[in-house]
Protein backbone atom coordinates (compact mmCIF):
# COMPACT_ATOMS: atom_id res chain seq x y z
CA MET A 1 15.72 -25.68 0.43
CA ASN A 2 15.08 -26.26 4.11
CA PHE A 3 17.10 -24.23 6.57
CA LEU A 4 16.60 -22.22 9.76
CA ILE A 5 18.31 -18.96 10.61
CA GLN A 6 19.18 -19.20 14.31
CA ILE A 7 20.93 -16.54 16.38
CA ILE A 8 21.89 -17.59 19.93
CA ILE A 9 23.42 -15.23 22.44
CA PHE A 10 26.34 -16.71 24.38
CA THR A 11 26.73 -15.32 27.90
CA ARG A 12 29.42 -15.92 30.55
CA SER A 13 27.35 -18.37 32.50
CA HIS A 14 25.01 -20.06 30.06
CA TYR A 15 23.12 -19.78 26.81
CA GLN A 16 20.02 -17.59 26.93
CA ILE A 17 17.36 -17.71 24.27
CA THR A 18 15.72 -14.31 24.42
CA MET A 19 12.49 -13.09 22.84
CA ARG A 20 14.46 -11.28 20.15
CA ILE A 21 16.19 -14.53 19.20
CA ILE A 22 12.83 -16.22 18.85
CA LEU A 23 11.71 -13.41 16.56
CA ASN A 24 14.81 -13.77 14.40
CA LEU A 25 14.19 -17.49 14.21
CA LEU A 26 10.68 -16.79 12.97
CA VAL A 27 12.10 -14.47 10.33
CA GLY A 28 14.37 -17.28 9.19
CA ILE A 29 11.53 -19.74 8.93
CA LEU A 30 9.45 -17.30 6.91
CA LEU A 31 12.45 -16.38 4.80
CA THR A 32 12.68 -20.04 3.80
CA ALA A 33 9.00 -20.00 2.90
CA ALA A 34 9.46 -16.85 0.84
CA VAL A 35 12.21 -18.47 -1.22
CA GLN A 36 10.14 -21.57 -1.85
CA ALA A 37 6.62 -20.33 -2.29
CA GLN A 38 5.17 -17.11 -0.99
CA ASP A 39 5.04 -13.70 -2.68
CA PRO A 40 5.26 -10.19 -1.25
CA HIS A 41 1.80 -8.93 -0.36
CA PHE A 42 0.03 -5.77 0.75
CA SER A 43 -2.72 -5.34 3.31
CA GLN A 44 -4.02 -2.52 1.10
CA PHE A 45 -4.31 -4.92 -1.83
CA PHE A 46 -7.08 -2.73 -3.22
CA ALA A 47 -4.51 0.08 -3.65
CA SER A 48 -2.03 -1.96 -5.70
CA PRO A 49 -3.99 -2.85 -8.85
CA LEU A 50 -1.23 -4.31 -11.05
CA THR A 51 0.08 -6.67 -8.35
CA LEU A 52 -3.50 -7.80 -7.69
CA ASN A 53 -4.62 -8.59 -11.24
CA PRO A 54 -3.12 -7.71 -14.66
CA ALA A 55 -6.69 -7.22 -15.89
CA PHE A 56 -6.87 -3.97 -13.88
CA THR A 57 -4.41 -2.41 -16.32
CA GLY A 58 -6.04 0.70 -17.81
CA LYS A 59 -9.36 0.01 -16.06
CA PHE A 60 -10.13 3.44 -14.59
CA ASP A 61 -11.81 6.68 -15.63
CA GLY A 62 -8.91 8.92 -16.57
CA VAL A 63 -5.91 9.62 -18.79
CA TRP A 64 -3.28 7.80 -16.71
CA ARG A 65 -2.91 6.35 -13.22
CA LEU A 66 0.09 6.28 -10.91
CA ALA A 67 0.12 3.97 -7.89
CA ALA A 68 2.76 3.42 -5.20
CA ASN A 69 2.82 1.32 -2.01
CA HIS A 70 5.28 0.86 0.85
CA ARG A 71 5.05 -1.73 3.63
CA ASP A 72 7.27 -2.31 6.67
CA GLN A 73 6.24 -5.58 8.30
CA TRP A 74 7.08 -6.48 11.90
CA PRO A 75 8.90 -3.25 12.87
CA SER A 76 9.92 -4.84 16.18
CA ILE A 77 12.38 -6.85 14.06
CA PRO A 78 14.49 -4.28 12.16
CA LYS A 79 13.95 -4.63 8.40
CA ALA A 80 12.28 -8.03 8.68
CA TYR A 81 10.23 -7.44 5.52
CA VAL A 82 10.24 -4.16 3.60
CA THR A 83 8.23 -4.06 0.36
CA THR A 84 7.79 -1.19 -2.11
CA SER A 85 5.88 -1.13 -5.39
CA ALA A 86 5.12 1.46 -8.06
CA SER A 87 3.14 1.35 -11.29
CA VAL A 88 1.78 3.54 -14.06
CA ASP A 89 -0.90 2.49 -16.52
CA PHE A 90 -3.15 4.14 -19.09
CA PRO A 91 -5.71 3.33 -21.79
CA ILE A 92 -4.58 3.58 -25.42
CA LEU A 93 -6.08 3.59 -28.93
CA LYS A 94 -9.36 5.07 -27.72
CA LYS A 95 -10.26 6.25 -31.23
CA SER A 96 -9.39 2.91 -32.85
CA ILE A 97 -11.49 0.55 -30.72
CA PRO A 98 -15.27 0.45 -30.16
CA GLU A 99 -16.66 3.10 -27.83
CA GLY A 100 -16.84 1.80 -24.28
CA ASP A 101 -14.03 -0.71 -24.76
CA ILE A 102 -10.70 -0.20 -22.99
CA PHE A 103 -7.25 -1.27 -24.16
CA GLY A 104 -4.78 -0.79 -21.30
CA VAL A 105 -0.99 -0.74 -21.05
CA GLY A 106 1.08 -0.52 -17.87
CA ILE A 107 4.50 -0.95 -16.32
CA SER A 108 5.21 -1.78 -12.70
CA GLY A 109 8.01 -2.66 -10.32
CA VAL A 110 8.27 -4.30 -6.91
CA SER A 111 11.22 -4.38 -4.50
CA ASP A 112 11.10 -6.77 -1.56
CA ALA A 113 13.85 -7.11 1.05
CA SER A 114 13.85 -9.65 3.89
CA ALA A 115 15.97 -10.32 6.98
CA ASN A 116 17.85 -7.00 6.97
CA ASN A 117 18.42 -7.15 3.20
CA ALA A 118 19.86 -10.68 3.28
CA LEU A 119 17.32 -11.70 0.64
CA LYS A 120 16.38 -9.19 -2.05
CA LEU A 121 13.83 -9.60 -4.82
CA ASN A 122 13.18 -7.09 -7.60
CA TYR A 123 10.47 -7.39 -10.22
CA GLY A 124 9.85 -5.39 -13.39
CA SER A 125 6.62 -6.00 -15.33
CA VAL A 126 4.81 -4.96 -18.49
CA SER A 127 1.02 -5.42 -18.59
CA LEU A 128 -1.65 -5.43 -21.29
CA SER A 129 -5.42 -5.73 -20.91
CA TYR A 130 -8.56 -5.43 -22.99
CA HIS A 131 -12.07 -4.80 -21.65
CA LYS A 132 -15.20 -5.31 -23.74
CA ALA A 133 -18.33 -3.28 -23.01
CA LEU A 134 -21.41 -5.48 -22.57
CA ASP A 135 -24.03 -2.71 -22.93
CA ASP A 136 -24.51 0.63 -24.69
CA ASP A 137 -23.77 2.63 -21.53
CA SER A 138 -20.55 0.69 -20.82
CA TYR A 139 -21.80 0.07 -17.30
CA ASN A 140 -20.84 -3.60 -17.53
CA THR A 141 -17.54 -4.84 -18.95
CA ILE A 142 -15.52 -8.02 -19.01
CA GLY A 143 -11.81 -8.09 -19.65
CA ALA A 144 -8.61 -10.07 -19.55
CA GLY A 145 -5.04 -9.03 -18.84
CA PHE A 146 -1.56 -10.45 -19.29
CA GLN A 147 1.69 -9.53 -17.61
CA ALA A 148 5.31 -10.39 -18.39
CA THR A 149 7.75 -10.06 -15.50
CA TYR A 150 11.54 -10.16 -15.25
CA ALA A 151 12.70 -10.92 -11.72
CA SER A 152 16.05 -10.77 -9.96
CA MET A 153 16.68 -12.52 -6.66
CA GLY A 154 19.83 -12.16 -4.59
CA LEU A 155 21.03 -13.76 -1.33
CA ASP A 156 23.82 -12.24 0.79
CA ILE A 157 24.79 -15.02 3.19
CA THR A 158 27.26 -12.77 5.03
CA LYS A 159 24.22 -11.26 6.75
CA LEU A 160 22.99 -14.63 8.01
CA THR A 161 24.13 -16.50 11.13
CA PHE A 162 23.87 -20.27 11.43
CA GLU A 163 23.96 -22.48 14.51
CA ASP A 164 27.01 -24.42 13.34
CA GLU A 165 29.00 -21.16 13.60
CA LEU A 166 28.50 -21.13 17.38
CA GLN A 167 31.67 -22.23 19.14
CA GLN A 168 32.60 -22.55 22.81
CA ASN A 169 33.81 -18.95 22.97
CA GLY A 170 31.13 -17.42 20.81
CA PHE A 171 30.47 -17.17 17.08
CA ALA A 172 33.32 -18.08 14.73
CA PRO A 173 33.61 -16.50 11.28
CA GLY A 174 32.48 -18.68 8.42
CA THR A 175 29.44 -20.05 6.72
CA SER A 176 27.31 -23.07 7.36
CA GLY A 177 28.53 -26.15 5.52
CA GLU A 178 25.11 -26.33 3.92
CA TYR A 179 26.08 -23.29 1.86
CA LEU A 180 29.54 -24.30 0.67
CA GLY A 181 29.92 -23.25 -2.92
CA VAL A 182 28.00 -20.00 -2.49
CA ASN A 183 30.29 -16.97 -2.70
CA PRO A 184 30.26 -15.51 0.85
CA LEU A 185 31.27 -12.06 -0.42
CA THR A 186 28.73 -11.51 -3.17
CA GLY A 187 26.04 -14.02 -2.43
CA LYS A 188 24.34 -15.66 -5.35
CA ASN A 189 21.84 -14.19 -7.79
CA ARG A 190 19.03 -15.76 -9.74
CA ASN A 191 17.21 -14.09 -12.62
CA TYR A 192 14.09 -15.48 -14.17
CA PHE A 193 11.13 -14.65 -16.40
CA GLU A 194 7.49 -15.33 -15.59
CA MET A 195 4.00 -14.86 -17.00
CA ASN A 196 0.87 -13.72 -15.14
CA ALA A 197 -2.75 -13.43 -16.28
CA GLY A 198 -6.18 -12.47 -15.02
CA VAL A 199 -9.82 -11.82 -15.87
CA LEU A 200 -12.12 -9.14 -14.46
CA TYR A 201 -15.84 -8.37 -14.57
CA SER A 202 -16.93 -4.86 -13.62
CA GLY A 203 -20.56 -3.75 -13.42
CA SER A 204 -22.96 -1.03 -12.33
CA SER A 205 -26.73 -0.96 -11.92
CA ASN A 206 -27.23 2.81 -12.28
CA GLY A 207 -23.93 4.42 -13.31
CA GLU A 208 -23.20 5.61 -9.76
CA ASN A 209 -22.35 2.38 -7.95
CA ASN A 210 -19.81 -0.21 -9.01
CA TYR A 211 -19.08 -3.85 -8.23
CA TYR A 212 -16.42 -6.17 -9.58
CA VAL A 213 -15.03 -9.67 -9.30
CA GLY A 214 -11.82 -11.08 -10.72
CA VAL A 215 -9.43 -14.01 -10.79
CA SER A 216 -5.68 -13.82 -11.39
CA LEU A 217 -2.85 -16.35 -11.69
CA TYR A 218 0.78 -15.41 -11.12
CA HIS A 219 3.91 -17.49 -11.97
CA LEU A 220 2.10 -19.50 -14.63
CA ASN A 221 5.39 -20.93 -15.91
CA ARG A 222 6.69 -21.80 -12.40
CA PRO A 223 10.23 -20.40 -12.73
CA LYS A 224 13.22 -21.95 -10.98
CA VAL A 225 14.20 -19.91 -7.91
CA SER A 226 16.73 -22.06 -6.05
CA PHE A 227 20.15 -20.75 -4.99
CA LYS A 228 21.42 -24.33 -4.98
CA ASP A 229 21.66 -26.95 -7.71
CA LYS A 230 18.43 -28.56 -6.55
CA ASN A 231 15.38 -27.74 -8.68
CA TRP A 232 13.08 -25.59 -6.58
CA TYR A 233 10.25 -23.92 -8.49
CA LEU A 234 8.07 -20.99 -7.54
CA SER A 235 4.50 -22.18 -7.03
CA SER A 236 1.70 -20.48 -8.91
CA ARG A 237 -0.38 -18.01 -6.91
CA ALA A 238 -4.14 -17.94 -7.46
CA THR A 239 -6.13 -14.91 -6.35
CA ILE A 240 -9.90 -14.46 -6.20
CA HIS A 241 -11.02 -10.95 -5.35
CA GLY A 242 -14.08 -8.74 -5.43
CA GLY A 243 -15.49 -5.50 -4.14
CA GLY A 244 -17.72 -2.55 -4.76
CA SER A 245 -18.47 1.13 -4.14
CA PHE A 246 -21.99 2.15 -3.18
CA PRO A 247 -23.26 5.68 -2.44
CA LEU A 248 -25.41 5.75 0.70
CA SER A 249 -26.25 9.46 0.44
CA GLU A 250 -24.93 12.57 -1.29
CA THR A 251 -22.04 12.74 1.16
CA ILE A 252 -21.46 9.17 2.39
CA GLY A 253 -20.31 6.12 0.45
CA LEU A 254 -19.47 2.51 1.31
CA HIS A 255 -16.46 0.73 -0.19
CA VAL A 256 -15.97 -3.01 0.37
CA SER A 257 -13.38 -5.50 -0.87
CA VAL A 258 -12.26 -9.07 -0.24
CA ILE A 259 -9.40 -11.24 -1.42
CA GLU A 260 -8.53 -14.92 -1.15
CA GLN A 261 -5.00 -15.97 -2.13
CA LEU A 262 -3.69 -19.51 -2.49
CA GLN A 263 -0.06 -20.46 -3.07
CA ASN A 264 1.39 -23.89 -2.44
CA LYS A 265 0.22 -24.73 1.11
CA ALA A 266 -0.20 -21.08 2.12
CA SER A 267 -3.49 -19.19 2.01
CA GLU A 268 -4.68 -15.73 2.97
CA THR A 269 -8.13 -14.20 3.34
CA VAL A 270 -8.56 -10.44 3.79
CA LEU A 271 -11.90 -8.64 3.87
CA GLY A 272 -13.20 -5.31 5.06
CA ALA A 273 -14.80 -1.98 4.24
CA ALA A 274 -14.41 1.77 4.56
CA PHE A 275 -16.86 4.66 4.63
CA SER A 276 -16.14 7.77 2.57
CA PHE A 277 -17.28 11.22 3.70
CA ASN A 278 -17.50 14.10 1.21
CA ALA A 279 -15.94 16.93 3.22
CA ASN A 280 -16.43 19.78 0.73
CA GLY A 281 -19.83 18.82 -0.67
CA ASP A 282 -18.58 19.07 -4.27
CA GLN A 283 -19.92 16.16 -6.34
CA ASP A 284 -17.66 16.83 -9.35
CA ASN A 285 -14.39 17.29 -7.45
CA PRO A 286 -14.98 15.93 -3.94
CA THR A 287 -12.62 15.90 -1.01
CA ASN A 288 -13.26 12.49 0.50
CA VAL A 289 -12.16 11.20 3.89
CA TYR A 290 -12.04 7.39 4.24
CA ILE A 291 -12.28 5.55 7.54
CA GLY A 292 -12.54 1.79 7.80
CA SER A 293 -10.87 -1.48 8.64
CA TRP A 294 -9.91 -4.76 7.03
CA MET A 295 -9.19 -8.10 8.65
CA ARG A 296 -6.68 -10.78 7.70
CA VAL A 297 -8.47 -13.87 8.97
CA ASN A 298 -6.73 -15.49 11.95
CA ASP A 299 -3.87 -13.00 11.76
CA ALA A 300 -4.53 -9.25 12.06
CA ILE A 301 -6.95 -6.34 12.26
CA ILE A 302 -6.04 -3.57 9.79
CA PRO A 303 -7.42 -0.06 10.56
CA TYR A 304 -7.37 2.19 7.49
CA PHE A 305 -7.49 5.95 6.93
CA GLY A 306 -7.54 7.68 3.55
CA LEU A 307 -7.78 11.15 2.06
CA GLU A 308 -8.77 11.93 -1.55
CA PHE A 309 -8.71 15.27 -3.39
CA ASN A 310 -8.04 16.47 -6.96
CA GLY A 311 -7.54 12.93 -8.25
CA LEU A 312 -5.02 12.04 -5.51
CA ARG A 313 -5.78 9.42 -2.88
CA ILE A 314 -3.47 8.75 0.07
CA GLY A 315 -4.02 5.76 2.33
CA ALA A 316 -2.46 4.58 5.60
CA SER A 317 -3.02 1.35 7.51
CA TYR A 318 -1.48 -0.59 10.35
CA ASP A 319 -1.62 -4.33 11.00
CA VAL A 320 -2.47 -5.19 14.60
CA ASN A 321 -1.61 -8.83 15.19
CA THR A 322 -4.34 -11.02 16.66
CA SER A 323 -2.63 -14.37 16.09
CA ASP A 324 -0.28 -16.19 18.48
CA LEU A 325 2.54 -14.07 17.05
CA LYS A 326 1.20 -11.00 18.89
CA ALA A 327 3.18 -11.91 22.02
CA ALA A 328 6.44 -11.79 20.07
CA THR A 329 5.64 -8.69 18.01
CA GLY A 330 3.81 -6.73 20.70
CA ASN A 331 0.82 -6.53 18.33
CA ARG A 332 3.03 -4.59 15.88
CA GLY A 333 2.21 -6.23 12.58
CA GLY A 334 3.36 -3.50 10.22
CA SER A 335 2.69 -0.08 8.74
CA GLU A 336 1.65 0.51 5.14
CA PHE A 337 1.15 3.57 2.95
CA SER A 338 -0.37 3.93 -0.51
CA ILE A 339 -0.74 6.68 -3.09
CA ILE A 340 -2.90 6.64 -6.21
CA TYR A 341 -3.16 9.56 -8.59
CA ILE A 342 -5.51 9.54 -11.60
CA LYS A 343 -5.12 12.27 -14.19
CA LYS A 344 -8.61 13.27 -15.21
CA PRO A 345 -9.45 14.42 -18.75
CA GLN A 346 -11.12 17.77 -19.30
CA GLU A 347 -14.28 15.96 -20.30
CA THR A 348 -15.25 12.54 -19.01
CA LYS A 349 -18.17 10.23 -19.55
CA GLY A 350 -17.95 9.10 -15.94
CA ILE A 351 -17.93 5.38 -16.67
CA PRO A 352 -18.14 3.50 -13.33
CA CYS A 353 -14.89 1.64 -12.69
CA PRO A 354 -13.40 -0.25 -9.73
CA ARG A 355 -12.16 2.30 -7.19
CA PHE A 356 -8.92 1.98 -5.25
């Protein structure tokens, strides 16, 4: 499916292609790419565990974990890309499996809207994972996870404007001939099922630090996603990621993470770090302030601020464009917010796990 969304302003004297039109054209180009290949993504990938790797399901020190993320990309273009996700996961059968092992279950959902809700994608997923302890202290584990997803994709072409609708006296009602056969009132929906999988190694040298590395594959079955009769298939997405948390003193910690994503001809590399500062001096129930920054290579700088207390961690970041697109967006790449809450048990062994 190859099409461009073009909006041209017709004036009394001549056609003018303004900066806003150029931005809308860019949205159209990227909308085409989204239909064919690319997935929704978060700059705070480290705060969205079940969209990063199914193997993270249940891999935390607690009773259950709730995570939510919201991203508004390119705010200079109203509702260009708005993405929201939420998940809950928890370990099960603790008394039925070997001590130190983790059997995790989780459910998650993602809603992604593009081009002022012209294209909507909704995902609902169920995840399972199992982690095997590699030593008596359970400092080192290796695990695998699987995820089944049901997806719904809808296109409302009444919200799109095509160049062949431009007449001598302005835009005429109707739809591009390329889309004849698509109901202009309801759009066209596509539902599909997909499978995702991942593996994860998590380790610690002393029970206080933690480091991890994982690989995940999404859209293993390459579902059909075309709105037309042509057979367009969603390309598999491969993700390699890693990170770690390292205490530098009793009050300061360092948290680093990196991700490399590959899908079709698109790729993305994000890396960065944040320092945590224990504001209340309590080692058992700290109030941590996080300050740091990530970088999407050749695209954006992503300052990050976080606050953690009583098992709740709130994060905020903002993409500052550094690519050629910065002239069009005014360096406004997008805002993002994340929330993670982990319900702690009354007694915990304190097994080191990947931190988000």
